[in-house]
PDB file of all heavy atoms in Angstrom:
ATOM      1  N   TYR A   1       9.032   6.973 -17.559  1.00  0.00           N
ATOM      2  CA  TYR A   1       8.578   7.328 -16.215  1.00  0.00           C
ATOM      3  C   TYR A   1       7.470   6.384 -15.746  1.00  0.00           C
ATOM      4  O   TYR A   1       7.445   5.963 -14.600  1.00  0.00           O
ATOM      5  CB  TYR A   1       8.099   8.781 -16.208  1.00  0.00           C
ATOM      6  CG  TYR A   1       7.833   9.333 -14.834  1.00  0.00           C
ATOM      7  CD1 TYR A   1       8.875   9.799 -14.037  1.00  0.00           C
ATOM      8  CD2 TYR A   1       6.547   9.398 -14.330  1.00  0.00           C
ATOM      9  CE1 TYR A   1       8.647  10.317 -12.779  1.00  0.00           C
ATOM     10  CE2 TYR A   1       6.299   9.910 -13.066  1.00  0.00           C
ATOM     11  CZ  TYR A   1       7.346  10.365 -12.304  1.00  0.00           C
ATOM     12  OH  TYR A   1       7.108  10.864 -11.051  1.00  0.00           O
ATOM     13  N   PHE A   2       6.561   6.045 -16.663  1.00  0.00           N
ATOM     14  CA  PHE A   2       5.451   5.158 -16.309  1.00  0.00           C
ATOM     15  C   PHE A   2       5.955   3.760 -15.957  1.00  0.00           C
ATOM     16  O   PHE A   2       5.543   3.181 -14.954  1.00  0.00           O
ATOM     17  CB  PHE A   2       4.442   5.083 -17.468  1.00  0.00           C
ATOM     18  CG  PHE A   2       3.226   4.278 -17.147  1.00  0.00           C
ATOM     19  CD1 PHE A   2       2.220   4.825 -16.379  1.00  0.00           C
ATOM     20  CD2 PHE A   2       3.095   2.973 -17.603  1.00  0.00           C
ATOM     21  CE1 PHE A   2       1.089   4.083 -16.068  1.00  0.00           C
ATOM     22  CE2 PHE A   2       1.974   2.230 -17.296  1.00  0.00           C
ATOM     23  CZ  PHE A   2       0.970   2.788 -16.519  1.00  0.00           C
ATOM     24  N   VAL A   3       6.845   3.223 -16.774  1.00  0.00           N
ATOM     25  CA  VAL A   3       7.331   1.854 -16.556  1.00  0.00           C
ATOM     26  C   VAL A   3       8.264   1.760 -15.355  1.00  0.00           C
ATOM     27  O   VAL A   3       8.186   0.811 -14.579  1.00  0.00           O
ATOM     28  CB  VAL A   3       8.034   1.330 -17.828  1.00  0.00           C
ATOM     29  CG1 VAL A   3       8.778   0.037 -17.569  1.00  0.00           C
ATOM     30  CG2 VAL A   3       7.031   1.156 -18.949  1.00  0.00           C
ATOM     31  N   HIS A   4       9.128   2.734 -15.179  1.00  0.00           N
ATOM     32  CA  HIS A   4      10.160   2.631 -14.148  1.00  0.00           C
ATOM     33  C   HIS A   4       9.824   3.298 -12.828  1.00  0.00           C
ATOM     34  O   HIS A   4      10.466   2.998 -11.817  1.00  0.00           O
ATOM     35  CB  HIS A   4      11.482   3.197 -14.662  1.00  0.00           C
ATOM     36  CG  HIS A   4      12.060   2.381 -15.777  1.00  0.00           C
ATOM     37  ND1 HIS A   4      12.219   1.030 -15.712  1.00  0.00           N
ATOM     38  CD2 HIS A   4      12.480   2.745 -17.009  1.00  0.00           C
ATOM     39  CE1 HIS A   4      12.739   0.573 -16.832  1.00  0.00           C
ATOM     40  NE2 HIS A   4      12.895   1.594 -17.645  1.00  0.00           N
ATOM     41  N   ILE A   5       8.843   4.185 -12.807  1.00  0.00           N
ATOM     42  CA  ILE A   5       8.527   4.873 -11.553  1.00  0.00           C
ATOM     43  C   ILE A   5       7.064   4.701 -11.157  1.00  0.00           C
ATOM     44  O   ILE A   5       6.769   4.236 -10.057  1.00  0.00           O
ATOM     45  CB  ILE A   5       8.904   6.369 -11.638  1.00  0.00           C
ATOM     46  CG1 ILE A   5      10.419   6.480 -11.773  1.00  0.00           C
ATOM     47  CG2 ILE A   5       8.413   7.126 -10.422  1.00  0.00           C
ATOM     48  CD1 ILE A   5      10.945   7.851 -12.017  1.00  0.00           C
ATOM     49  N   ILE A   6       6.149   5.039 -12.048  1.00  0.00           N
ATOM     50  CA  ILE A   6       4.732   5.014 -11.681  1.00  0.00           C
ATOM     51  C   ILE A   6       4.253   3.603 -11.367  1.00  0.00           C
ATOM     52  O   ILE A   6       3.675   3.363 -10.301  1.00  0.00           O
ATOM     53  CB  ILE A   6       3.857   5.660 -12.780  1.00  0.00           C
ATOM     54  CG1 ILE A   6       4.147   7.160 -12.879  1.00  0.00           C
ATOM     55  CG2 ILE A   6       2.379   5.443 -12.496  1.00  0.00           C
ATOM     56  CD1 ILE A   6       3.402   7.859 -13.997  1.00  0.00           C
ATOM     57  N   MET A   7       4.462   2.656 -12.270  1.00  0.00           N
ATOM     58  CA  MET A   7       3.954   1.293 -12.039  1.00  0.00           C
ATOM     59  C   MET A   7       4.621   0.597 -10.851  1.00  0.00           C
ATOM     60  O   MET A   7       3.923   0.008 -10.020  1.00  0.00           O
ATOM     61  CB  MET A   7       4.076   0.447 -13.313  1.00  0.00           C
ATOM     62  CG  MET A   7       3.008   0.749 -14.323  1.00  0.00           C
ATOM     63  SD  MET A   7       1.318   0.694 -13.673  1.00  0.00           S
ATOM     64  CE  MET A   7       1.130  -1.026 -13.318  1.00  0.00           C
ATOM     65  N   PRO A   8       5.945   0.619 -10.717  1.00  0.00           N
ATOM     66  CA  PRO A   8       6.526  -0.022  -9.523  1.00  0.00           C
ATOM     67  C   PRO A   8       6.049   0.615  -8.219  1.00  0.00           C
ATOM     68  O   PRO A   8       5.754  -0.082  -7.256  1.00  0.00           O
ATOM     69  CB  PRO A   8       8.038   0.172  -9.699  1.00  0.00           C
ATOM     70  CG  PRO A   8       8.236   0.355 -11.146  1.00  0.00           C
ATOM     71  CD  PRO A   8       7.002   1.047 -11.650  1.00  0.00           C
ATOM     72  N   GLN A   9       5.947   1.937  -8.211  1.00  0.00           N
ATOM     73  CA  GLN A   9       5.476   2.616  -7.001  1.00  0.00           C
ATOM     74  C   GLN A   9       4.031   2.239  -6.707  1.00  0.00           C
ATOM     75  O   GLN A   9       3.667   2.008  -5.551  1.00  0.00           O
ATOM     76  CB  GLN A   9       5.591   4.130  -7.174  1.00  0.00           C
ATOM     77  CG  GLN A   9       5.366   4.885  -5.911  1.00  0.00           C
ATOM     78  CD  GLN A   9       6.634   5.449  -5.345  1.00  0.00           C
ATOM     79  OE1 GLN A   9       7.580   5.660  -6.076  1.00  0.00           O
ATOM     80  NE2 GLN A   9       6.673   5.703  -4.072  1.00  0.00           N
ATOM     81  N   ALA A  10       3.192   2.172  -7.722  1.00  0.00           N
ATOM     82  CA  ALA A  10       1.789   1.786  -7.533  1.00  0.00           C
ATOM     83  C   ALA A  10       1.688   0.345  -7.031  1.00  0.00           C
ATOM     84  O   ALA A  10       0.889   0.040  -6.139  1.00  0.00           O
ATOM     85  CB  ALA A  10       1.015   1.958  -8.834  1.00  0.00           C
ATOM     86  N   ILE A  11       2.499  -0.523  -7.567  1.00  0.00           N
ATOM     87  CA  ILE A  11       2.476  -1.931  -7.137  1.00  0.00           C
ATOM     88  C   ILE A  11       2.945  -2.052  -5.685  1.00  0.00           C
ATOM     89  O   ILE A  11       2.318  -2.735  -4.872  1.00  0.00           O
ATOM     90  CB  ILE A  11       3.315  -2.805  -8.088  1.00  0.00           C
ATOM     91  CG1 ILE A  11       2.607  -2.897  -9.439  1.00  0.00           C
ATOM     92  CG2 ILE A  11       3.563  -4.194  -7.495  1.00  0.00           C
ATOM     93  CD1 ILE A  11       3.451  -3.491 -10.543  1.00  0.00           C
ATOM     94  N   TRP A  12       4.055  -1.381  -5.328  1.00  0.00           N
ATOM     95  CA  TRP A  12       4.557  -1.453  -3.955  1.00  0.00           C
ATOM     96  C   TRP A  12       3.583  -0.833  -2.960  1.00  0.00           C
ATOM     97  O   TRP A  12       3.396  -1.339  -1.852  1.00  0.00           O
ATOM     98  CB  TRP A  12       5.926  -0.789  -3.821  1.00  0.00           C
ATOM     99  CG  TRP A  12       7.041  -1.626  -4.341  1.00  0.00           C
ATOM    100  CD1 TRP A  12       7.853  -1.344  -5.387  1.00  0.00           C
ATOM    101  CD2 TRP A  12       7.457  -2.902  -3.852  1.00  0.00           C
ATOM    102  NE1 TRP A  12       8.741  -2.363  -5.583  1.00  0.00           N
ATOM    103  CE2 TRP A  12       8.528  -3.330  -4.643  1.00  0.00           C
ATOM    104  CE3 TRP A  12       7.029  -3.727  -2.817  1.00  0.00           C
ATOM    105  CZ2 TRP A  12       9.172  -4.540  -4.450  1.00  0.00           C
ATOM    106  CZ3 TRP A  12       7.671  -4.936  -2.617  1.00  0.00           C
ATOM    107  CH2 TRP A  12       8.730  -5.328  -3.425  1.00  0.00           C
ATOM    108  N   THR A  13       2.943   0.255  -3.340  1.00  0.00           N
ATOM    109  CA  THR A  13       1.958   0.882  -2.457  1.00  0.00           C
ATOM    110  C   THR A  13       0.758  -0.031  -2.262  1.00  0.00           C
ATOM    111  O   THR A  13       0.227  -0.153  -1.156  1.00  0.00           O
ATOM    112  CB  THR A  13       1.519   2.247  -3.025  1.00  0.00           C
ATOM    113  OG1 THR A  13       2.681   3.068  -3.158  1.00  0.00           O
ATOM    114  CG2 THR A  13       0.513   2.930  -2.115  1.00  0.00           C
ATOM    115  N   THR A  14       0.337  -0.708  -3.329  1.00  0.00           N
ATOM    116  CA  THR A  14      -0.778  -1.646  -3.238  1.00  0.00           C
ATOM    117  C   THR A  14      -0.427  -2.828  -2.349  1.00  0.00           C
ATOM    118  O   THR A  14      -1.234  -3.258  -1.523  1.00  0.00           O
ATOM    119  CB  THR A  14      -1.185  -2.124  -4.645  1.00  0.00           C
ATOM    120  OG1 THR A  14      -1.470  -0.983  -5.451  1.00  0.00           O
ATOM    121  CG2 THR A  14      -2.384  -3.030  -4.588  1.00  0.00           C
ATOM    122  N   VAL A  15       0.784  -3.357  -2.489  1.00  0.00           N
ATOM    123  CA  VAL A  15       1.225  -4.469  -1.634  1.00  0.00           C
ATOM    124  C   VAL A  15       1.297  -4.018  -0.177  1.00  0.00           C
ATOM    125  O   VAL A  15       0.858  -4.732   0.734  1.00  0.00           O
ATOM    126  CB  VAL A  15       2.590  -5.021  -2.117  1.00  0.00           C
ATOM    127  CG1 VAL A  15       3.192  -5.980  -1.113  1.00  0.00           C
ATOM    128  CG2 VAL A  15       2.430  -5.700  -3.468  1.00  0.00           C
ATOM    129  N   ALA A  16       1.829  -2.826   0.059  1.00  0.00           N
ATOM    130  CA  ALA A  16       1.894  -2.297   1.428  1.00  0.00           C
ATOM    131  C   ALA A  16       0.503  -2.114   2.004  1.00  0.00           C
ATOM    132  O   ALA A  16       0.262  -2.386   3.183  1.00  0.00           O
ATOM    133  CB  ALA A  16       2.652  -0.971   1.453  1.00  0.00           C
ATOM    134  N   THR A  17      -0.436  -1.677   1.182  1.00  0.00           N
ATOM    135  CA  THR A  17      -1.815  -1.518   1.646  1.00  0.00           C
ATOM    136  C   THR A  17      -2.410  -2.865   2.018  1.00  0.00           C
ATOM    137  O   THR A  17      -3.050  -2.993   3.064  1.00  0.00           O
ATOM    138  CB  THR A  17      -2.678  -0.840   0.562  1.00  0.00           C
ATOM    139  OG1 THR A  17      -2.119   0.436   0.274  1.00  0.00           O
ATOM    140  CG2 THR A  17      -4.106  -0.687   1.011  1.00  0.00           C
ATOM    141  N   ALA A  18      -2.193  -3.866   1.185  1.00  0.00           N
ATOM    142  CA  ALA A  18      -2.733  -5.194   1.470  1.00  0.00           C
ATOM    143  C   ALA A  18      -2.162  -5.769   2.764  1.00  0.00           C
ATOM    144  O   ALA A  18      -2.860  -6.459   3.511  1.00  0.00           O
ATOM    145  CB  ALA A  18      -2.451  -6.140   0.306  1.00  0.00           C
ATOM    146  N   VAL A  19      -0.905  -5.457   3.051  1.00  0.00           N
ATOM    147  CA  VAL A  19      -0.259  -5.997   4.252  1.00  0.00           C
ATOM    148  C   VAL A  19      -0.572  -5.158   5.491  1.00  0.00           C
ATOM    149  O   VAL A  19      -0.917  -5.699   6.545  1.00  0.00           O
ATOM    150  CB  VAL A  19       1.278  -6.079   4.030  1.00  0.00           C
ATOM    151  CG1 VAL A  19       1.994  -6.450   5.305  1.00  0.00           C
ATOM    152  CG2 VAL A  19       1.585  -7.076   2.922  1.00  0.00           C
ATOM    153  N   LEU A  20      -0.477  -3.837   5.391  1.00  0.00           N
ATOM    154  CA  LEU A  20      -0.564  -2.973   6.563  1.00  0.00           C
ATOM    155  C   LEU A  20      -1.953  -2.414   6.846  1.00  0.00           C
ATOM    156  O   LEU A  20      -2.167  -1.828   7.906  1.00  0.00           O
ATOM    157  CB  LEU A  20       0.416  -1.814   6.413  1.00  0.00           C
ATOM    158  CG  LEU A  20       1.882  -2.198   6.330  1.00  0.00           C
ATOM    159  CD1 LEU A  20       2.737  -0.982   6.066  1.00  0.00           C
ATOM    160  CD2 LEU A  20       2.316  -2.893   7.604  1.00  0.00           C
ATOM    161  N   TYR A  21      -2.885  -2.598   5.935  1.00  0.00           N
ATOM    162  CA  TYR A  21      -4.210  -2.017   6.122  1.00  0.00           C
ATOM    163  C   TYR A  21      -4.900  -2.567   7.365  1.00  0.00           C
ATOM    164  O   TYR A  21      -5.580  -1.846   8.079  1.00  0.00           O
ATOM    165  CB  TYR A  21      -5.072  -2.244   4.877  1.00  0.00           C
ATOM    166  CG  TYR A  21      -6.442  -1.678   5.031  1.00  0.00           C
ATOM    167  CD1 TYR A  21      -6.639  -0.301   4.958  1.00  0.00           C
ATOM    168  CD2 TYR A  21      -7.530  -2.489   5.284  1.00  0.00           C
ATOM    169  CE1 TYR A  21      -7.894   0.237   5.129  1.00  0.00           C
ATOM    170  CE2 TYR A  21      -8.785  -1.957   5.450  1.00  0.00           C
ATOM    171  CZ  TYR A  21      -8.962  -0.602   5.371  1.00  0.00           C
ATOM    172  OH  TYR A  21     -10.203  -0.067   5.551  1.00  0.00           O
ATOM    173  N   ARG A  22      -4.738  -3.833   7.630  1.00  0.00           N
ATOM    174  CA  ARG A  22      -5.373  -4.446   8.813  1.00  0.00           C
ATOM    175  C   ARG A  22      -4.879  -3.799  10.109  1.00  0.00           C
ATOM    176  O   ARG A  22      -5.627  -3.657  11.062  1.00  0.00           O
ATOM    177  CB  ARG A  22      -5.119  -5.951   8.854  1.00  0.00           C
ATOM    178  CG  ARG A  22      -5.676  -6.708   7.688  1.00  0.00           C
ATOM    179  CD  ARG A  22      -7.127  -6.962   7.888  1.00  0.00           C
ATOM    180  NE  ARG A  22      -7.618  -7.753   6.759  1.00  0.00           N
ATOM    181  CZ  ARG A  22      -8.868  -7.838   6.432  1.00  0.00           C
ATOM    182  NH1 ARG A  22      -9.771  -7.209   7.127  1.00  0.00           N
ATOM    183  NH2 ARG A  22      -9.238  -8.544   5.399  1.00  0.00           N
ATOM    184  N   ILE A  23      -3.615  -3.415  10.138  1.00  0.00           N
ATOM    185  CA  ILE A  23      -3.071  -2.757  11.327  1.00  0.00           C
ATOM    186  C   ILE A  23      -3.723  -1.386  11.513  1.00  0.00           C
ATOM    187  O   ILE A  23      -4.157  -1.044  12.624  1.00  0.00           O
ATOM    188  CB  ILE A  23      -1.533  -2.621  11.210  1.00  0.00           C
ATOM    189  CG1 ILE A  23      -0.885  -4.003  11.183  1.00  0.00           C
ATOM    190  CG2 ILE A  23      -0.971  -1.772  12.338  1.00  0.00           C
ATOM    191  CD1 ILE A  23       0.575  -3.998  10.824  1.00  0.00           C
ATOM    192  N   VAL A  24      -3.819  -0.625  10.433  1.00  0.00           N
ATOM    193  CA  VAL A  24      -4.456   0.689  10.506  1.00  0.00           C
ATOM    194  C   VAL A  24      -5.930   0.531  10.871  1.00  0.00           C
ATOM    195  O   VAL A  24      -6.476   1.316  11.656  1.00  0.00           O
ATOM    196  CB  VAL A  24      -4.283   1.448   9.174  1.00  0.00           C
ATOM    197  CG1 VAL A  24      -5.038   2.759   9.182  1.00  0.00           C
ATOM    198  CG2 VAL A  24      -2.814   1.693   8.889  1.00  0.00           C
ATOM    199  N   LEU A  25      -6.571  -0.501  10.347  1.00  0.00           N
ATOM    200  CA  LEU A  25      -7.972  -0.768  10.659  1.00  0.00           C
ATOM    201  C   LEU A  25      -8.162  -1.080  12.143  1.00  0.00           C
ATOM    202  O   LEU A  25      -9.087  -0.563  12.783  1.00  0.00           O
ATOM    203  CB  LEU A  25      -8.496  -1.926   9.810  1.00  0.00           C
ATOM    204  CG  LEU A  25      -9.946  -2.331   9.991  1.00  0.00           C
ATOM    205  CD1 LEU A  25     -10.869  -1.196   9.597  1.00  0.00           C
ATOM    206  CD2 LEU A  25     -10.240  -3.567   9.164  1.00  0.00           C
ATOM    207  N   SER A  26      -7.290  -1.892  12.724  1.00  0.00           N
ATOM    208  CA  SER A  26      -7.424  -2.209  14.152  1.00  0.00           C
ATOM    209  C   SER A  26      -7.158  -0.973  15.018  1.00  0.00           C
ATOM    210  O   SER A  26      -7.817  -0.784  16.047  1.00  0.00           O
ATOM    211  CB  SER A  26      -6.499  -3.357  14.540  1.00  0.00           C
ATOM    212  OG  SER A  26      -5.151  -2.967  14.487  1.00  0.00           O
ATOM    213  N   ILE A  27      -6.226  -0.131  14.613  1.00  0.00           N
ATOM    214  CA  ILE A  27      -5.981   1.114  15.347  1.00  0.00           C
ATOM    215  C   ILE A  27      -7.209   2.011  15.260  1.00  0.00           C
ATOM    216  O   ILE A  27      -7.621   2.613  16.265  1.00  0.00           O
ATOM    217  CB  ILE A  27      -4.720   1.820  14.807  1.00  0.00           C
ATOM    218  CG1 ILE A  27      -3.472   1.019  15.153  1.00  0.00           C
ATOM    219  CG2 ILE A  27      -4.616   3.245  15.337  1.00  0.00           C
ATOM    220  CD1 ILE A  27      -2.210   1.488  14.473  1.00  0.00           C
ATOM    221  N   ASN A  28      -7.831   2.090  14.099  1.00  0.00           N
ATOM    222  CA  ASN A  28      -9.037   2.892  13.932  1.00  0.00           C
ATOM    223  C   ASN A  28     -10.172   2.360  14.802  1.00  0.00           C
ATOM    224  O   ASN A  28     -10.909   3.134  15.408  1.00  0.00           O
ATOM    225  CB  ASN A  28      -9.460   2.921  12.463  1.00  0.00           C
ATOM    226  CG  ASN A  28     -10.673   3.773  12.238  1.00  0.00           C
ATOM    227  OD1 ASN A  28     -10.732   4.900  12.706  1.00  0.00           O
ATOM    228  ND2 ASN A  28     -11.646   3.230  11.531  1.00  0.00           N
ATOM    229  N   ARG A  29     -10.323   1.064  14.879  1.00  0.00           N
ATOM    230  CA  ARG A  29     -11.368   0.473  15.731  1.00  0.00           C
ATOM    231  C   ARG A  29     -11.139   0.813  17.191  1.00  0.00           C
ATOM    232  O   ARG A  29     -12.079   1.129  17.923  1.00  0.00           O
ATOM    233  CB  ARG A  29     -11.420  -1.033  15.540  1.00  0.00           C
ATOM    234  CG  ARG A  29     -12.068  -1.436  14.256  1.00  0.00           C
ATOM    235  CD  ARG A  29     -12.184  -2.930  14.165  1.00  0.00           C
ATOM    236  NE  ARG A  29     -12.834  -3.292  12.921  1.00  0.00           N
ATOM    237  CZ  ARG A  29     -12.600  -4.402  12.268  1.00  0.00           C
ATOM    238  NH1 ARG A  29     -11.733  -5.284  12.727  1.00  0.00           N
ATOM    239  NH2 ARG A  29     -13.231  -4.650  11.137  1.00  0.00           N
ATOM    240  N   ARG A  30      -9.898   0.744  17.640  1.00  0.00           N
ATOM    241  CA  ARG A  30      -9.592   1.095  19.030  1.00  0.00           C
ATOM    242  C   ARG A  30      -9.884   2.570  19.303  1.00  0.00           C
ATOM    243  O   ARG A  30     -10.383   2.919  20.369  1.00  0.00           O
ATOM    244  CB  ARG A  30      -8.138   0.787  19.347  1.00  0.00           C
ATOM    245  CG  ARG A  30      -7.873  -0.687  19.470  1.00  0.00           C
ATOM    246  CD  ARG A  30      -6.445  -0.956  19.866  1.00  0.00           C
ATOM    247  NE  ARG A  30      -6.167  -2.379  19.783  1.00  0.00           N
ATOM    248  CZ  ARG A  30      -5.019  -2.886  19.447  1.00  0.00           C
ATOM    249  NH1 ARG A  30      -3.993  -2.094  19.174  1.00  0.00           N
ATOM    250  NH2 ARG A  30      -4.850  -4.181  19.386  1.00  0.00           N
TER     251      ARG A  30
END
């Protein structure tokens, strides 16, 4: 479960955060 679900999900969520966080930040500023 850790190798096939937890780690890939954590990595994809981290990548999504790195990419999409700036968009959420600009919406928050507005």
